[in-house]
């Protein structure tokens, strides 16, 4: 795809980050963890302080921009190659989302590529995320150094964040629950979110989700600020949407979203699309988790017995195979004697 323009971008990045953070706070978008009231005041004070603080001109000077008819990419000078990759891959990512949700992406998003993790952390206000989607400004901000950490990749991250922009473009923020927003975007990006997990925070199993689940009524507008609870909120949002796709089909997910785009609330949309209430859906999903948890618990409790049985079975099968082969050799010897 040819670029329509390529110009030096010199706007101070600190101001850009503050504006984005404000948009994220107002829209309750994906990628920003919820804060408690005390932290909210602290966040506002930090924003005010950053607004008045001069930002190093050297950082602003290394900002550049590439714009096409479909997407705008802002990046550090050293990331020109990555920016071109975004330009080249954007059309395919957009088409995948349009085909999945049957919605056209008629807006032009802006992708901001951040070279230093410290700069991204300053924008996000947290070290938990690798990317942010700011629907109010139609912007995606990506922490490029972390794109080399599994399971993240630039393509899957862009798809996840663009999904956030698409959902908020067609569905009013007041009708789009946070759990559905995050769940759908993880579902469409192969279960990958924008949150960074440490070695002790792997994706939760069904057993762990069944034991630690948070009522979805508490995940309507925000996610918990505590890291463990935040990860649980992400995982169970992904799990519930994946359950809908598995049991009712991916088309039902799209149908729910389209009904919400036409003005229906989430409970009405689910009721009309799945013929069950949201409460019943949550109850069935939780029942499925508990069923999986029971199997997991049984296998864990009887693991040594199962392994011993499998070992004994393999020994018996090996003996039968040996006996059959030996018998075949004996029969061949008898035939040779007759000859």
C-alpha atoms as a PDB file:
ATOM      1  CA  UNK A   1       0.000   0.000   0.000  1.00  0.00           C
ATOM      2  CA  UNK A   2       1.390   3.364  -0.996  1.00  0.00           C
ATOM      3  CA  UNK A   3       1.617   6.150   1.577  1.00  0.00           C
ATOM      4  CA  UNK A   4      -0.075   9.456   0.877  1.00  0.00           C
ATOM      5  CA  UNK A   5       2.265  11.401   3.128  1.00  0.00           C
ATOM      6  CA  UNK A   6       5.266  11.035   5.389  1.00  0.00           C
ATOM      7  CA  UNK A   7       6.105  13.953   7.676  1.00  0.00           C
ATOM      8  CA  UNK A   8       8.114  14.642  10.804  1.00  0.00           C
ATOM      9  CA  UNK A   9       5.940  14.588  13.918  1.00  0.00           C
ATOM     10  CA  UNK A  10       7.116  17.075  16.520  1.00  0.00           C
ATOM     11  CA  UNK A  11       4.265  17.473  18.984  1.00  0.00           C
ATOM     12  CA  UNK A  12       5.501  16.906  22.581  1.00  0.00           C
ATOM     13  CA  UNK A  13       4.749  13.300  23.412  1.00  0.00           C
ATOM     14  CA  UNK A  14       3.948  14.049  27.046  1.00  0.00           C
ATOM     15  CA  UNK A  15       0.956  16.138  26.035  1.00  0.00           C
ATOM     16  CA  UNK A  16      -0.099  13.425  23.607  1.00  0.00           C
ATOM     17  CA  UNK A  17       0.061  10.814  26.366  1.00  0.00           C
ATOM     18  CA  UNK A  18      -1.937  12.992  28.782  1.00  0.00           C
ATOM     19  CA  UNK A  19      -4.682  13.541  26.251  1.00  0.00           C
ATOM     20  CA  UNK A  20      -4.833   9.821  25.567  1.00  0.00           C
ATOM     21  CA  UNK A  21      -4.923   8.954  29.252  1.00  0.00           C
ATOM     22  CA  UNK A  22      -7.800  11.388  29.757  1.00  0.00           C
ATOM     23  CA  UNK A  23      -9.673   9.789  26.887  1.00  0.00           C
ATOM     24  CA  UNK A  24      -9.106   6.348  28.365  1.00  0.00           C
ATOM     25  CA  UNK A  25     -10.365   7.466  31.757  1.00  0.00           C
ATOM     26  CA  UNK A  26     -13.514   8.995  30.256  1.00  0.00           C
ATOM     27  CA  UNK A  27     -14.303   6.076  27.963  1.00  0.00           C
ATOM     28  CA  UNK A  28     -13.442   3.240  30.363  1.00  0.00           C
ATOM     29  CA  UNK A  29     -11.640   1.629  27.459  1.00  0.00           C
ATOM     30  CA  UNK A  30      -9.674  -1.585  27.262  1.00  0.00           C
ATOM     31  CA  UNK A  31      -6.187  -1.549  28.640  1.00  0.00           C
ATOM     32  CA  UNK A  32      -6.654   0.929  31.526  1.00  0.00           C
ATOM     33  CA  UNK A  33      -7.048  -0.801  34.866  1.00  0.00           C
ATOM     34  CA  UNK A  34      -9.741   0.578  37.147  1.00  0.00           C
ATOM     35  CA  UNK A  35      -8.654   2.691  40.077  1.00  0.00           C
ATOM     36  CA  UNK A  36     -10.264   3.172  43.449  1.00  0.00           C
ATOM     37  CA  UNK A  37     -11.555   6.673  44.348  1.00  0.00           C
ATOM     38  CA  UNK A  38      -8.375   7.594  46.228  1.00  0.00           C
ATOM     39  CA  UNK A  39      -6.198   6.531  43.313  1.00  0.00           C
ATOM     40  CA  UNK A  40      -8.449   8.466  40.942  1.00  0.00           C
ATOM     41  CA  UNK A  41      -7.665  11.768  42.669  1.00  0.00           C
ATOM     42  CA  UNK A  42      -3.973  10.904  42.611  1.00  0.00           C
ATOM     43  CA  UNK A  43      -4.222  10.114  38.896  1.00  0.00           C
ATOM     44  CA  UNK A  44      -5.879  13.468  38.195  1.00  0.00           C
ATOM     45  CA  UNK A  45      -3.171  15.290  40.173  1.00  0.00           C
ATOM     46  CA  UNK A  46      -0.455  13.495  38.231  1.00  0.00           C
ATOM     47  CA  UNK A  47      -2.109  14.481  34.946  1.00  0.00           C
ATOM     48  CA  UNK A  48      -2.225  18.116  36.034  1.00  0.00           C
ATOM     49  CA  UNK A  49       1.426  18.038  37.058  1.00  0.00           C
ATOM     50  CA  UNK A  50       2.499  16.471  33.773  1.00  0.00           C
ATOM     51  CA  UNK A  51       0.519  19.018  31.815  1.00  0.00           C
ATOM     52  CA  UNK A  52       2.567  21.850  33.370  1.00  0.00           C
ATOM     53  CA  UNK A  53       5.887  19.999  33.173  1.00  0.00           C
ATOM     54  CA  UNK A  54       8.053  20.690  30.104  1.00  0.00           C
ATOM     55  CA  UNK A  55       8.967  17.574  28.155  1.00  0.00           C
ATOM     56  CA  UNK A  56      12.476  17.041  26.742  1.00  0.00           C
ATOM     57  CA  UNK A  57      12.621  18.433  23.234  1.00  0.00           C
ATOM     58  CA  UNK A  58      14.945  15.658  22.098  1.00  0.00           C
ATOM     59  CA  UNK A  59      12.169  13.092  22.604  1.00  0.00           C
ATOM     60  CA  UNK A  60       9.667  15.183  20.684  1.00  0.00           C
ATOM     61  CA  UNK A  61      12.082  15.660  17.823  1.00  0.00           C
ATOM     62  CA  UNK A  62      12.398  11.954  17.116  1.00  0.00           C
ATOM     63  CA  UNK A  63       8.675  11.539  16.454  1.00  0.00           C
ATOM     64  CA  UNK A  64       7.589  10.895  12.871  1.00  0.00           C
ATOM     65  CA  UNK A  65       4.328  10.029  11.134  1.00  0.00           C
ATOM     66  CA  UNK A  66       3.180   8.000   8.153  1.00  0.00           C
ATOM     67  CA  UNK A  67      -0.417   8.467   6.990  1.00  0.00           C
ATOM     68  CA  UNK A  68      -2.443   6.556   4.411  1.00  0.00           C
ATOM     69  CA  UNK A  69      -6.134   6.665   3.524  1.00  0.00           C
ATOM     70  CA  UNK A  70      -6.775   3.887   6.048  1.00  0.00           C
ATOM     71  CA  UNK A  71      -4.448   4.372   9.016  1.00  0.00           C
ATOM     72  CA  UNK A  72      -2.069   6.859  10.632  1.00  0.00           C
ATOM     73  CA  UNK A  73       1.096   5.618  12.351  1.00  0.00           C
ATOM     74  CA  UNK A  74       3.138   7.767  14.753  1.00  0.00           C
ATOM     75  CA  UNK A  75       6.489   6.415  15.820  1.00  0.00           C
ATOM     76  CA  UNK A  76       9.987   7.070  17.084  1.00  0.00           C
ATOM     77  CA  UNK A  77      12.568   7.535  14.356  1.00  0.00           C
ATOM     78  CA  UNK A  78      14.154   4.165  15.145  1.00  0.00           C
ATOM     79  CA  UNK A  79      10.827   2.390  14.583  1.00  0.00           C
ATOM     80  CA  UNK A  80      10.298   3.274  10.932  1.00  0.00           C
ATOM     81  CA  UNK A  81      10.575  -0.378   9.925  1.00  0.00           C
ATOM     82  CA  UNK A  82       7.951  -1.373  12.506  1.00  0.00           C
ATOM     83  CA  UNK A  83       5.719   1.470  11.317  1.00  0.00           C
ATOM     84  CA  UNK A  84       5.928   0.172   7.760  1.00  0.00           C
ATOM     85  CA  UNK A  85       4.968  -3.289   9.031  1.00  0.00           C
ATOM     86  CA  UNK A  86       1.842  -1.756  10.584  1.00  0.00           C
ATOM     87  CA  UNK A  87       0.991  -0.062   7.274  1.00  0.00           C
ATOM     88  CA  UNK A  88       1.492  -3.297   5.329  1.00  0.00           C
ATOM     89  CA  UNK A  89      -0.503  -5.513   7.704  1.00  0.00           C
ATOM     90  CA  UNK A  90      -3.364  -3.170   8.570  1.00  0.00           C
ATOM     91  CA  UNK A  91      -5.571  -4.011   5.574  1.00  0.00           C
ATOM     92  CA  UNK A  92      -5.530  -7.729   6.392  1.00  0.00           C
ATOM     93  CA  UNK A  93      -6.272  -7.145  10.078  1.00  0.00           C
ATOM     94  CA  UNK A  94      -9.136  -4.810   9.241  1.00  0.00           C
ATOM     95  CA  UNK A  95     -10.647  -7.309   6.797  1.00  0.00           C
ATOM     96  CA  UNK A  96     -10.531 -10.118   9.373  1.00  0.00           C
ATOM     97  CA  UNK A  97     -12.461  -7.999  11.879  1.00  0.00           C
ATOM     98  CA  UNK A  98     -14.944  -6.791   9.276  1.00  0.00           C
ATOM     99  CA  UNK A  99     -15.614 -10.362   8.139  1.00  0.00           C
ATOM    100  CA  UNK A 100     -16.041 -11.581  11.725  1.00  0.00           C
ATOM    101  CA  UNK A 101     -18.382  -8.853  12.951  1.00  0.00           C
ATOM    102  CA  UNK A 102     -20.000  -7.829   9.645  1.00  0.00           C
ATOM    103  CA  UNK A 103     -19.243  -4.175  10.419  1.00  0.00           C
ATOM    104  CA  UNK A 104     -17.258  -1.847   8.207  1.00  0.00           C
ATOM    105  CA  UNK A 105     -14.373   0.087   9.742  1.00  0.00           C
ATOM    106  CA  UNK A 106     -15.146   3.508   8.293  1.00  0.00           C
ATOM    107  CA  UNK A 107     -12.913   5.507  10.631  1.00  0.00           C
ATOM    108  CA  UNK A 108      -9.173   6.089  10.312  1.00  0.00           C
ATOM    109  CA  UNK A 109      -7.376   4.913  13.479  1.00  0.00           C
ATOM    110  CA  UNK A 110      -4.053   6.209  14.749  1.00  0.00           C
ATOM    111  CA  UNK A 111      -1.396   3.749  15.902  1.00  0.00           C
ATOM    112  CA  UNK A 112       1.276   5.156  18.235  1.00  0.00           C
ATOM    113  CA  UNK A 113       4.429   3.044  18.490  1.00  0.00           C
ATOM    114  CA  UNK A 114       6.443   3.663  21.658  1.00  0.00           C
ATOM    115  CA  UNK A 115      10.104   2.700  21.640  1.00  0.00           C
ATOM    116  CA  UNK A 116      10.830   2.856  25.374  1.00  0.00           C
ATOM    117  CA  UNK A 117       8.882   0.980  28.000  1.00  0.00           C
ATOM    118  CA  UNK A 118       9.389   3.839  30.469  1.00  0.00           C
ATOM    119  CA  UNK A 119       7.611   6.224  28.076  1.00  0.00           C
ATOM    120  CA  UNK A 120       4.713   3.803  27.612  1.00  0.00           C
ATOM    121  CA  UNK A 121       4.414   3.313  31.362  1.00  0.00           C
ATOM    122  CA  UNK A 122       4.231   7.097  31.751  1.00  0.00           C
ATOM    123  CA  UNK A 123       1.313   7.198  29.310  1.00  0.00           C
ATOM    124  CA  UNK A 124      -0.523   4.163  30.687  1.00  0.00           C
ATOM    125  CA  UNK A 125       0.107   4.917  34.339  1.00  0.00           C
ATOM    126  CA  UNK A 126       0.751   1.204  34.869  1.00  0.00           C
ATOM    127  CA  UNK A 127       3.309  -1.458  34.028  1.00  0.00           C
ATOM    128  CA  UNK A 128       0.678  -4.160  33.548  1.00  0.00           C
ATOM    129  CA  UNK A 129      -0.228  -3.453  29.933  1.00  0.00           C
ATOM    130  CA  UNK A 130       1.553  -3.812  26.602  1.00  0.00           C
ATOM    131  CA  UNK A 131      -0.961  -1.768  24.607  1.00  0.00           C
ATOM    132  CA  UNK A 132      -3.873   0.632  25.044  1.00  0.00           C
ATOM    133  CA  UNK A 133      -6.982   1.318  23.010  1.00  0.00           C
ATOM    134  CA  UNK A 134      -8.514   4.770  23.369  1.00  0.00           C
ATOM    135  CA  UNK A 135     -11.853   4.667  21.524  1.00  0.00           C
ATOM    136  CA  UNK A 136     -12.721   8.310  22.258  1.00  0.00           C
ATOM    137  CA  UNK A 137      -9.680   9.329  20.192  1.00  0.00           C
ATOM    138  CA  UNK A 138      -9.614   6.287  17.864  1.00  0.00           C
ATOM    139  CA  UNK A 139      -6.059   5.590  18.935  1.00  0.00           C
ATOM    140  CA  UNK A 140      -3.988   2.530  19.749  1.00  0.00           C
ATOM    141  CA  UNK A 141      -0.733   2.814  21.690  1.00  0.00           C
ATOM    142  CA  UNK A 142       1.724  -0.082  21.566  1.00  0.00           C
ATOM    143  CA  UNK A 143       4.729  -0.763  23.797  1.00  0.00           C
ATOM    144  CA  UNK A 144       7.045  -2.092  21.076  1.00  0.00           C
ATOM    145  CA  UNK A 145       9.766  -3.656  23.306  1.00  0.00           C
ATOM    146  CA  UNK A 146       7.185  -5.996  24.791  1.00  0.00           C
ATOM    147  CA  UNK A 147       6.025  -7.293  21.424  1.00  0.00           C
ATOM    148  CA  UNK A 148       8.830  -9.863  21.689  1.00  0.00           C
ATOM    149  CA  UNK A 149       7.340 -11.385  24.861  1.00  0.00           C
ATOM    150  CA  UNK A 150       5.110 -14.422  24.325  1.00  0.00           C
ATOM    151  CA  UNK A 151       2.234 -14.609  23.564  1.00  0.00           C
ATOM    152  CA  UNK A 152       2.289 -11.078  22.171  1.00  0.00           C
ATOM    153  CA  UNK A 153       3.007 -10.111  18.600  1.00  0.00           C
ATOM    154  CA  UNK A 154       2.449  -6.868  16.754  1.00  0.00           C
ATOM    155  CA  UNK A 155      -0.237  -8.304  14.488  1.00  0.00           C
ATOM    156  CA  UNK A 156      -2.340  -9.952  17.193  1.00  0.00           C
ATOM    157  CA  UNK A 157      -1.999  -6.892  19.448  1.00  0.00           C
ATOM    158  CA  UNK A 158      -3.179  -4.536  16.706  1.00  0.00           C
ATOM    159  CA  UNK A 159      -6.121  -6.833  16.021  1.00  0.00           C
ATOM    160  CA  UNK A 160      -7.080  -6.838  19.701  1.00  0.00           C
ATOM    161  CA  UNK A 161      -6.880  -3.056  20.094  1.00  0.00           C
ATOM    162  CA  UNK A 162      -8.613  -2.342  16.779  1.00  0.00           C
ATOM    163  CA  UNK A 163     -11.428  -4.608  17.967  1.00  0.00           C
ATOM    164  CA  UNK A 164     -11.903  -2.285  20.951  1.00  0.00           C
ATOM    165  CA  UNK A 165     -12.168   0.715  18.634  1.00  0.00           C
ATOM    166  CA  UNK A 166     -14.646  -1.106  16.395  1.00  0.00           C
ATOM    167  CA  UNK A 167     -16.945  -2.147  19.254  1.00  0.00           C
ATOM    168  CA  UNK A 168     -17.011   1.352  20.749  1.00  0.00           C
ATOM    169  CA  UNK A 169     -17.609   2.873  17.310  1.00  0.00           C
ATOM    170  CA  UNK A 170     -20.858   0.944  16.814  1.00  0.00           C
ATOM    171  CA  UNK A 171     -22.030   0.427  20.416  1.00  0.00           C
ATOM    172  CA  UNK A 172     -22.666   3.247  22.856  1.00  0.00           C
ATOM    173  CA  UNK A 173     -20.216   3.132  25.762  1.00  0.00           C
ATOM    174  CA  UNK A 174     -23.084   3.125  28.257  1.00  0.00           C
ATOM    175  CA  UNK A 175     -24.467  -0.121  26.785  1.00  0.00           C
ATOM    176  CA  UNK A 176     -21.167  -1.988  26.348  1.00  0.00           C
ATOM    177  CA  UNK A 177     -20.144  -3.797  29.555  1.00  0.00           C
ATOM    178  CA  UNK A 178     -16.440  -3.921  30.238  1.00  0.00           C
ATOM    179  CA  UNK A 179     -16.483  -7.721  30.541  1.00  0.00           C
ATOM    180  CA  UNK A 180     -18.097  -8.100  27.104  1.00  0.00           C
ATOM    181  CA  UNK A 181     -15.721  -5.565  25.557  1.00  0.00           C
ATOM    182  CA  UNK A 182     -12.655  -7.392  26.854  1.00  0.00           C
ATOM    183  CA  UNK A 183     -14.107 -10.860  26.328  1.00  0.00           C
ATOM    184  CA  UNK A 184     -14.959 -10.294  22.671  1.00  0.00           C
ATOM    185  CA  UNK A 185     -11.584  -8.717  21.884  1.00  0.00           C
ATOM    186  CA  UNK A 186      -9.762 -11.656  23.472  1.00  0.00           C
ATOM    187  CA  UNK A 187     -12.023 -14.105  21.651  1.00  0.00           C
ATOM    188  CA  UNK A 188     -11.257 -12.559  18.261  1.00  0.00           C
ATOM    189  CA  UNK A 189      -7.502 -12.364  18.972  1.00  0.00           C
ATOM    190  CA  UNK A 190      -7.083 -16.041  19.912  1.00  0.00           C
ATOM    191  CA  UNK A 191      -7.384 -15.460  23.650  1.00  0.00           C
ATOM    192  CA  UNK A 192      -4.596 -12.862  23.809  1.00  0.00           C
ATOM    193  CA  UNK A 193      -5.247  -9.709  25.834  1.00  0.00           C
ATOM    194  CA  UNK A 194      -3.178  -6.558  26.324  1.00  0.00           C
ATOM    195  CA  UNK A 195      -2.217  -7.405  29.895  1.00  0.00           C
ATOM    196  CA  UNK A 196       1.241  -8.650  30.816  1.00  0.00           C
ATOM    197  CA  UNK A 197       1.402 -11.786  32.946  1.00  0.00           C
ATOM    198  CA  UNK A 198       4.335 -12.756  35.100  1.00  0.00           C
ATOM    199  CA  UNK A 199       5.530 -16.347  35.500  1.00  0.00           C
ATOM    200  CA  UNK A 200       3.233 -16.743  38.497  1.00  0.00           C
ATOM    201  CA  UNK A 201       0.138 -15.439  36.689  1.00  0.00           C
ATOM    202  CA  UNK A 202      -0.630 -17.880  33.888  1.00  0.00           C
ATOM    203  CA  UNK A 203      -4.071 -18.027  32.281  1.00  0.00           C
ATOM    204  CA  UNK A 204      -6.423 -19.440  34.883  1.00  0.00           C
ATOM    205  CA  UNK A 205      -7.753 -22.964  34.504  1.00  0.00           C
ATOM    206  CA  UNK A 206     -11.472 -23.760  34.680  1.00  0.00           C
ATOM    207  CA  UNK A 207     -10.951 -24.965  38.235  1.00  0.00           C
ATOM    208  CA  UNK A 208      -9.320 -21.707  39.278  1.00  0.00           C
ATOM    209  CA  UNK A 209     -11.993 -19.610  37.555  1.00  0.00           C
ATOM    210  CA  UNK A 210     -14.780 -21.607  39.185  1.00  0.00           C
ATOM    211  CA  UNK A 211     -13.250 -20.979  42.611  1.00  0.00           C
ATOM    212  CA  UNK A 212     -12.302 -17.311  42.157  1.00  0.00           C
ATOM    213  CA  UNK A 213     -14.875 -15.907  39.733  1.00  0.00           C
ATOM    214  CA  UNK A 214     -16.163 -12.380  40.125  1.00  0.00           C
ATOM    215  CA  UNK A 215     -19.895 -11.730  39.540  1.00  0.00           C
ATOM    216  CA  UNK A 216     -20.255 -10.128  36.121  1.00  0.00           C
ATOM    217  CA  UNK A 217     -22.495  -7.497  37.657  1.00  0.00           C
ATOM    218  CA  UNK A 218     -19.341  -6.076  39.263  1.00  0.00           C
ATOM    219  CA  UNK A 219     -17.545  -5.947  35.899  1.00  0.00           C
ATOM    220  CA  UNK A 220     -19.987  -3.740  34.045  1.00  0.00           C
ATOM    221  CA  UNK A 221     -18.073  -0.466  34.023  1.00  0.00           C
ATOM    222  CA  UNK A 222     -14.606  -1.248  35.401  1.00  0.00           C
ATOM    223  CA  UNK A 223     -12.204  -4.004  36.340  1.00  0.00           C
ATOM    224  CA  UNK A 224     -10.545  -4.388  39.751  1.00  0.00           C
ATOM    225  CA  UNK A 225      -7.306  -2.537  40.431  1.00  0.00           C
ATOM    226  CA  UNK A 226      -5.720  -5.478  42.267  1.00  0.00           C
ATOM    227  CA  UNK A 227      -3.453  -7.458  39.932  1.00  0.00           C
ATOM    228  CA  UNK A 228      -4.778 -10.905  40.828  1.00  0.00           C
ATOM    229  CA  UNK A 229      -8.415  -9.825  40.586  1.00  0.00           C
ATOM    230  CA  UNK A 230      -7.680  -7.950  37.359  1.00  0.00           C
ATOM    231  CA  UNK A 231      -6.256 -11.096  35.757  1.00  0.00           C
ATOM    232  CA  UNK A 232      -9.281 -13.056  36.928  1.00  0.00           C
ATOM    233  CA  UNK A 233     -11.599 -10.458  35.375  1.00  0.00           C
ATOM    234  CA  UNK A 234      -9.779 -10.723  32.039  1.00  0.00           C
ATOM    235  CA  UNK A 235      -9.745 -14.523  32.104  1.00  0.00           C
ATOM    236  CA  UNK A 236     -13.393 -15.009  33.002  1.00  0.00           C
ATOM    237  CA  UNK A 237     -14.476 -12.418  30.419  1.00  0.00           C
ATOM    238  CA  UNK A 238     -12.582 -14.392  27.787  1.00  0.00           C
ATOM    239  CA  UNK A 239     -13.983 -17.674  29.112  1.00  0.00           C
ATOM    240  CA  UNK A 240     -17.637 -16.580  29.030  1.00  0.00           C
ATOM    241  CA  UNK A 241     -17.461 -15.215  25.477  1.00  0.00           C
ATOM    242  CA  UNK A 242     -15.586 -18.336  24.349  1.00  0.00           C
ATOM    243  CA  UNK A 243     -18.341 -20.413  25.981  1.00  0.00           C
ATOM    244  CA  UNK A 244     -20.970 -18.561  23.953  1.00  0.00           C
ATOM    245  CA  UNK A 245     -18.986 -19.200  20.778  1.00  0.00           C
ATOM    246  CA  UNK A 246     -18.507 -22.886  21.567  1.00  0.00           C
ATOM    247  CA  UNK A 247     -22.072 -23.687  22.650  1.00  0.00           C
ATOM    248  CA  UNK A 248     -24.123 -21.318  20.487  1.00  0.00           C
ATOM    249  CA  UNK A 249     -21.695 -20.475  17.682  1.00  0.00           C
ATOM    250  CA  UNK A 250     -19.647 -17.430  16.777  1.00  0.00           C
ATOM    251  CA  UNK A 251     -22.560 -15.981  14.800  1.00  0.00           C
ATOM    252  CA  UNK A 252     -24.489 -15.593  18.058  1.00  0.00           C
ATOM    253  CA  UNK A 253     -21.715 -13.370  19.426  1.00  0.00           C
ATOM    254  CA  UNK A 254     -21.971 -11.166  16.342  1.00  0.00           C
ATOM    255  CA  UNK A 255     -25.765 -11.137  16.644  1.00  0.00           C
ATOM    256  CA  UNK A 256     -25.552  -9.962  20.266  1.00  0.00           C
ATOM    257  CA  UNK A 257     -23.231  -7.124  19.267  1.00  0.00           C
ATOM    258  CA  UNK A 258     -25.439  -6.046  16.359  1.00  0.00           C
ATOM    259  CA  UNK A 259     -28.503  -5.906  18.588  1.00  0.00           C
ATOM    260  CA  UNK A 260     -26.554  -3.755  21.029  1.00  0.00           C
ATOM    261  CA  UNK A 261     -25.423  -1.572  18.148  1.00  0.00           C
ATOM    262  CA  UNK A 262     -29.087  -1.024  17.311  1.00  0.00           C
ATOM    263  CA  UNK A 263     -29.753   0.189  20.849  1.00  0.00           C
ATOM    264  CA  UNK A 264     -30.513  -2.925  22.912  1.00  0.00           C
ATOM    265  CA  UNK A 265     -28.928  -3.444  26.318  1.00  0.00           C
ATOM    266  CA  UNK A 266     -26.715  -6.454  26.898  1.00  0.00           C
ATOM    267  CA  UNK A 267     -29.383  -8.413  28.785  1.00  0.00           C
ATOM    268  CA  UNK A 268     -31.977  -7.850  26.055  1.00  0.00           C
ATOM    269  CA  UNK A 269     -29.484  -8.676  23.302  1.00  0.00           C
ATOM    270  CA  UNK A 270     -28.444 -11.934  24.976  1.00  0.00           C
ATOM    271  CA  UNK A 271     -32.052 -12.895  25.674  1.00  0.00           C
ATOM    272  CA  UNK A 272     -33.101 -12.399  22.057  1.00  0.00           C
ATOM    273  CA  UNK A 273     -29.981 -13.972  20.551  1.00  0.00           C
ATOM    274  CA  UNK A 274     -29.563 -16.988  22.860  1.00  0.00           C
ATOM    275  CA  UNK A 275     -33.127 -17.362  24.178  1.00  0.00           C
ATOM    276  CA  UNK A 276     -31.853 -17.351  27.762  1.00  0.00           C
ATOM    277  CA  UNK A 277     -31.264 -14.608  30.303  1.00  0.00           C
ATOM    278  CA  UNK A 278     -27.839 -13.258  31.189  1.00  0.00           C
ATOM    279  CA  UNK A 279     -28.174 -14.767  34.664  1.00  0.00           C
ATOM    280  CA  UNK A 280     -28.969 -18.178  33.170  1.00  0.00           C
ATOM    281  CA  UNK A 281     -26.043 -17.870  30.778  1.00  0.00           C
ATOM    282  CA  UNK A 282     -23.697 -17.122  33.658  1.00  0.00           C
ATOM    283  CA  UNK A 283     -25.149 -20.029  35.647  1.00  0.00           C
ATOM    284  CA  UNK A 284     -24.622 -22.484  32.764  1.00  0.00           C
ATOM    285  CA  UNK A 285     -21.124 -21.191  32.113  1.00  0.00           C
ATOM    286  CA  UNK A 286     -20.229 -21.576  35.775  1.00  0.00           C
ATOM    287  CA  UNK A 287     -21.711 -25.070  35.793  1.00  0.00           C
ATOM    288  CA  UNK A 288     -19.467 -25.983  32.867  1.00  0.00           C
ATOM    289  CA  UNK A 289     -16.460 -24.629  34.763  1.00  0.00           C
ATOM    290  CA  UNK A 290     -17.338 -26.664  37.848  1.00  0.00           C
ATOM    291  CA  UNK A 291     -17.753 -29.777  35.720  1.00  0.00           C
ATOM    292  CA  UNK A 292     -14.288 -29.262  34.272  1.00  0.00           C
ATOM    293  CA  UNK A 293     -12.981 -28.531  37.753  1.00  0.00           C
ATOM    294  CA  UNK A 294     -14.355 -31.841  39.068  1.00  0.00           C
ATOM    295  CA  UNK A 295     -12.565 -33.786  36.335  1.00  0.00           C
ATOM    296  CA  UNK A 296      -9.380 -31.868  37.046  1.00  0.00           C
ATOM    297  CA  UNK A 297      -9.661 -32.584  40.768  1.00  0.00           C
ATOM    298  CA  UNK A 298     -10.341 -36.279  40.169  1.00  0.00           C
ATOM    299  CA  UNK A 299      -7.355 -36.673  37.850  1.00  0.00           C
ATOM    300  CA  UNK A 300      -5.106 -34.760  40.267  1.00  0.00           C
ATOM    301  CA  UNK A 301      -6.209 -36.888  43.229  1.00  0.00           C
ATOM    302  CA  UNK A 302      -5.722 -40.184  41.371  1.00  0.00           C
ATOM    303  CA  UNK A 303      -2.761 -39.230  39.218  1.00  0.00           C
ATOM    304  CA  UNK A 304      -0.357 -41.855  40.598  1.00  0.00           C
ATOM    305  CA  UNK A 305      -2.980 -44.586  40.341  1.00  0.00           C
ATOM    306  CA  UNK A 306      -3.739 -43.635  36.743  1.00  0.00           C
ATOM    307  CA  UNK A 307      -0.058 -43.608  35.833  1.00  0.00           C
ATOM    308  CA  UNK A 308       0.463 -46.995  37.528  1.00  0.00           C
ATOM    309  CA  UNK A 309      -2.509 -48.458  35.611  1.00  0.00           C
ATOM    310  CA  UNK A 310      -1.241 -47.089  32.297  1.00  0.00           C
ATOM    311  CA  UNK A 311       2.236 -48.449  33.034  1.00  0.00           C
ATOM    312  CA  UNK A 312       0.840 -51.890  33.831  1.00  0.00           C
ATOM    313  CA  UNK A 313      -1.292 -51.822  30.683  1.00  0.00           C
ATOM    314  CA  UNK A 314       1.728 -50.943  28.544  1.00  0.00           C
ATOM    315  CA  UNK A 315       3.671 -53.800  30.151  1.00  0.00           C
ATOM    316  CA  UNK A 316       0.908 -56.301  29.337  1.00  0.00           C
ATOM    317  CA  UNK A 317       0.631 -55.052  25.763  1.00  0.00           C
ATOM    318  CA  UNK A 318       4.397 -55.293  25.388  1.00  0.00           C
ATOM    319  CA  UNK A 319       4.395 -58.871  26.681  1.00  0.00           C
ATOM    320  CA  UNK A 320       1.595 -59.894  24.301  1.00  0.00           C
ATOM    321  CA  UNK A 321       3.462 -58.353  21.397  1.00  0.00           C
ATOM    322  CA  UNK A 322       6.654 -60.200  22.399  1.00  0.00           C
ATOM    323  CA  UNK A 323       4.782 -63.520  22.816  1.00  0.00           C
ATOM    324  CA  UNK A 324       3.117 -63.134  19.411  1.00  0.00           C
ATOM    325  CA  UNK A 325       6.445 -62.375  17.724  1.00  0.00           C
ATOM    326  CA  UNK A 326       8.142 -65.318  19.450  1.00  0.00           C
ATOM    327  CA  UNK A 327       5.327 -67.646  18.412  1.00  0.00           C
ATOM    328  CA  UNK A 328       5.751 -66.458  14.827  1.00  0.00           C
ATOM    329  CA  UNK A 329       9.458 -67.323  14.905  1.00  0.00           C
ATOM    330  CA  UNK A 330       8.652 -70.787  16.321  1.00  0.00           C
ATOM    331  CA  UNK A 331       6.170 -71.489  13.550  1.00  0.00           C
ATOM    332  CA  UNK A 332       8.747 -70.477  10.932  1.00  0.00           C
ATOM    333  CA  UNK A 333      11.303 -72.865  12.463  1.00  0.00           C
ATOM    334  CA  UNK A 334       8.827 -75.768  12.320  1.00  0.00           C
ATOM    335  CA  UNK A 335       8.120 -75.098   8.643  1.00  0.00           C
ATOM    336  CA  UNK A 336      11.872 -75.096   7.899  1.00  0.00           C
ATOM    337  CA  UNK A 337      12.191 -78.505   9.597  1.00  0.00           C
ATOM    338  CA  UNK A 338       9.488 -79.995   7.388  1.00  0.00           C
ATOM    339  CA  UNK A 339      11.251 -78.719   4.349  1.00  0.00           C
END
